[in-house]
């Protein structure tokens, strides 16, 4: 299963959500790095 990753940072949450939507990633799970690494090796 291919994974897409992106990092969007800003102090305004509304602006972050706007950018996430424009990237076509709205509704995708938001997981931290450690969780993603565990999932990739079958630990979660």
Protein backbone atom coordinates (compact mmCIF):
# COMPACT_ATOMS: atom_id res chain seq x y z
CA UNK A 1 0.00 0.00 0.00
CA UNK A 2 1.60 3.31 -1.02
CA UNK A 3 1.66 6.12 1.51
CA UNK A 4 1.51 9.82 0.87
CA UNK A 5 3.00 12.17 3.38
CA UNK A 6 2.95 15.90 3.78
CA UNK A 7 3.71 18.39 6.51
CA UNK A 8 1.70 21.61 6.75
CA UNK A 9 2.47 23.94 9.62
CA UNK A 10 1.06 27.34 10.51
CA UNK A 11 -0.36 29.08 13.56
CA UNK A 12 -3.80 29.43 11.89
CA UNK A 13 -5.70 26.09 11.88
CA UNK A 14 -8.20 27.36 9.27
CA UNK A 15 -5.36 28.06 6.85
CA UNK A 16 -3.91 24.60 7.46
CA UNK A 17 -7.27 22.98 6.65
CA UNK A 18 -7.57 25.07 3.48
CA UNK A 19 -4.15 23.90 2.27
CA UNK A 20 -4.86 20.26 3.21
CA UNK A 21 -8.06 20.47 1.15
CA UNK A 22 -6.23 21.94 -1.85
CA UNK A 23 -3.71 19.09 -1.63
CA UNK A 24 -6.60 16.61 -1.89
CA UNK A 25 -5.81 15.06 1.48
CA UNK A 26 -8.92 16.14 3.40
CA UNK A 27 -10.29 13.14 5.25
CA UNK A 28 -6.99 11.27 5.22
CA UNK A 29 -5.83 10.01 8.61
CA UNK A 30 -3.53 12.31 10.54
CA UNK A 31 -0.93 10.20 12.29
CA UNK A 32 2.33 11.06 13.93
CA UNK A 33 5.71 9.71 12.81
CA UNK A 34 6.01 7.05 15.52
CA UNK A 35 2.53 5.65 14.81
CA UNK A 36 3.30 5.55 11.07
CA UNK A 37 6.58 3.71 11.64
CA UNK A 38 4.89 1.12 13.89
CA UNK A 39 2.12 0.63 11.34
CA UNK A 40 4.62 0.17 8.51
CA UNK A 41 6.27 -2.77 10.31
CA UNK A 42 3.01 -4.33 11.51
CA UNK A 43 3.20 -3.31 15.16
CA UNK A 44 -0.21 -1.54 15.02
